[in-house]
C-alpha atoms as a PDB file:
ATOM      1  CA  GLY A   1    -126.546   2.352  40.034  1.00  0.00           C
ATOM      2  CA  MET A   2    -130.262   3.327  40.682  1.00  0.00           C
ATOM      3  CA  VAL A   3    -132.880   3.137  37.791  1.00  0.00           C
ATOM      4  CA  SER A   4    -133.903   6.287  36.502  1.00  0.00           C
ATOM      5  CA  ILE A   5    -135.428   7.498  32.859  1.00  0.00           C
ATOM      6  CA  GLY A   6    -132.884   6.444  30.161  1.00  0.00           C
ATOM      7  CA  ALA A   7    -131.456   3.524  32.163  1.00  0.00           C
ATOM      8  CA  THR A   8    -131.390   0.034  30.758  1.00  0.00           C
ATOM      9  CA  VAL A   9    -132.119  -2.697  33.109  1.00  0.00           C
ATOM     10  CA  THR A  10    -131.348  -6.369  33.151  1.00  0.00           C
ATOM     11  CA  VAL A  11    -133.923  -8.304  35.185  1.00  0.00           C
ATOM     12  CA  GLU A  12    -134.594 -11.765  35.997  1.00  0.00           C
ATOM     13  CA  GLU A  13    -138.156 -12.706  36.235  1.00  0.00           C
ATOM     14  CA  GLU A  14    -139.386 -15.832  38.066  1.00  0.00           C
ATOM     15  CA  GLU A  15    -141.083 -17.383  34.973  1.00  0.00           C
ATOM     16  CA  PHE A  16    -139.561 -15.797  32.057  1.00  0.00           C
ATOM     17  CA  GLY A  17    -135.858 -15.536  33.069  1.00  0.00           C
ATOM     18  CA  GLU A  18    -133.580 -12.709  32.064  1.00  0.00           C
ATOM     19  CA  GLU A  19    -135.013  -9.571  30.223  1.00  0.00           C
ATOM     20  CA  THR A  20    -133.645  -6.513  29.298  1.00  0.00           C
ATOM     21  CA  TYR A  21    -135.785  -3.077  29.483  1.00  0.00           C
ATOM     22  CA  THR A  22    -134.914   0.549  28.732  1.00  0.00           C
ATOM     23  CA  ILE A  23    -137.014   3.064  30.792  1.00  0.00           C
ATOM     24  CA  VAL A  24    -138.203   6.019  28.487  1.00  0.00           C
ATOM     25  CA  GLY A  25    -140.880   8.762  28.708  1.00  0.00           C
ATOM     26  CA  SER A  26    -144.445   7.591  27.524  1.00  0.00           C
ATOM     27  CA  ALA A  27    -144.381   9.122  24.291  1.00  0.00           C
ATOM     28  CA  GLU A  28    -141.094   6.786  23.565  1.00  0.00           C
ATOM     29  CA  ALA A  29    -142.407   3.824  24.941  1.00  0.00           C
ATOM     30  CA  ASP A  30    -142.240   0.621  22.671  1.00  0.00           C
ATOM     31  CA  PRO A  31    -142.843  -2.577  24.700  1.00  0.00           C
ATOM     32  CA  LEU A  32    -142.274  -4.934  21.676  1.00  0.00           C
ATOM     33  CA  GLN A  33    -138.460  -3.362  21.687  1.00  0.00           C
ATOM     34  CA  GLY A  34    -138.192  -3.210  25.475  1.00  0.00           C
ATOM     35  CA  ARG A  35    -138.638   0.154  25.779  1.00  0.00           C
ATOM     36  CA  ILE A  36    -141.165   0.727  28.690  1.00  0.00           C
ATOM     37  CA  SER A  37    -142.797   3.735  29.815  1.00  0.00           C
ATOM     38  CA  ASN A  38    -141.724   5.266  33.262  1.00  0.00           C
ATOM     39  CA  GLU A  39    -145.736   5.333  33.849  1.00  0.00           C
ATOM     40  CA  SER A  40    -146.225   1.449  33.099  1.00  0.00           C
ATOM     41  CA  PRO A  41    -146.458  -1.166  36.161  1.00  0.00           C
ATOM     42  CA  ILE A  42    -143.133  -2.350  35.331  1.00  0.00           C
ATOM     43  CA  GLY A  43    -141.471   0.995  34.694  1.00  0.00           C
ATOM     44  CA  ARG A  44    -143.127   2.543  37.994  1.00  0.00           C
ATOM     45  CA  ALA A  45    -141.763  -0.856  39.715  1.00  0.00           C
ATOM     46  CA  LEU A  46    -138.258  -0.501  38.788  1.00  0.00           C
ATOM     47  CA  LEU A  47    -137.636   3.231  38.923  1.00  0.00           C
ATOM     48  CA  GLY A  48    -135.549   4.186  41.995  1.00  0.00           C
ATOM     49  CA  ALA A  49    -134.565   0.691  42.760  1.00  0.00           C
ATOM     50  CA  LYS A  50    -131.122  -0.665  42.615  1.00  0.00           C
ATOM     51  CA  GLU A  51    -128.807  -3.321  41.199  1.00  0.00           C
ATOM     52  CA  GLY A  52    -129.523  -6.555  43.500  1.00  0.00           C
ATOM     53  CA  ASP A  53    -133.028  -5.307  44.722  1.00  0.00           C
ATOM     54  CA  GLN A  54    -136.067  -7.362  44.271  1.00  0.00           C
ATOM     55  CA  VAL A  55    -139.249  -5.499  42.961  1.00  0.00           C
ATOM     56  CA  VAL A  56    -142.740  -6.247  42.763  1.00  0.00           C
ATOM     57  CA  ALA A  57    -144.974  -5.049  39.481  1.00  0.00           C
ATOM     58  CA  GLU A  58    -148.543  -4.780  40.087  1.00  0.00           C
ATOM     59  CA  THR A  59    -149.702  -5.820  36.280  1.00  0.00           C
ATOM     60  CA  PRO A  60    -153.428  -6.408  34.855  1.00  0.00           C
ATOM     61  CA  GLY A  61    -152.355 -10.084  35.002  1.00  0.00           C
ATOM     62  CA  GLY A  62    -151.133  -9.874  38.411  1.00  0.00           C
ATOM     63  CA  GLU A  63    -148.136  -9.518  40.571  1.00  0.00           C
ATOM     64  CA  ILE A  64    -144.714  -9.989  38.756  1.00  0.00           C
ATOM     65  CA  LEU A  65    -141.515 -10.700  40.637  1.00  0.00           C
ATOM     66  CA  PHE A  66    -138.010  -9.134  39.413  1.00  0.00           C
ATOM     67  CA  LYS A  67    -134.481  -9.446  40.615  1.00  0.00           C
ATOM     68  CA  ILE A  68    -132.564  -6.455  39.011  1.00  0.00           C
ATOM     69  CA  LEU A  69    -129.362  -7.756  38.017  1.00  0.00           C
ATOM     70  CA  LYS A  70    -127.601  -4.945  36.383  1.00  0.00           C
ATOM     71  CA  VAL A  71    -128.431  -1.003  35.726  1.00  0.00           C
ATOM     72  CA  GLU A  72    -126.854   0.774  33.027  1.00  0.00           C
END
C-alpha cells in the first residue's frame, strides 16, 4: 500500500538498519516513540511512497536514504 497519515512504515536505513515509524499529525508526533509528523523531513519523504520504493529525506544532518520494506 501507499504511505498515508496513520500508516506504520518499516524502513531500512543505510546506516541504522530497520526502523519502524508511524506517520501522525504534528500534534501527535513523538519521535522517541517512532511517531513522526507528516510535516517532518522523514514524514514528508515517506508520504505517498509505496513498499519497495527508495526515498531520500532531506534532514538537517544531511540526506538519508530509506528503502520502504513494509507499509501497514
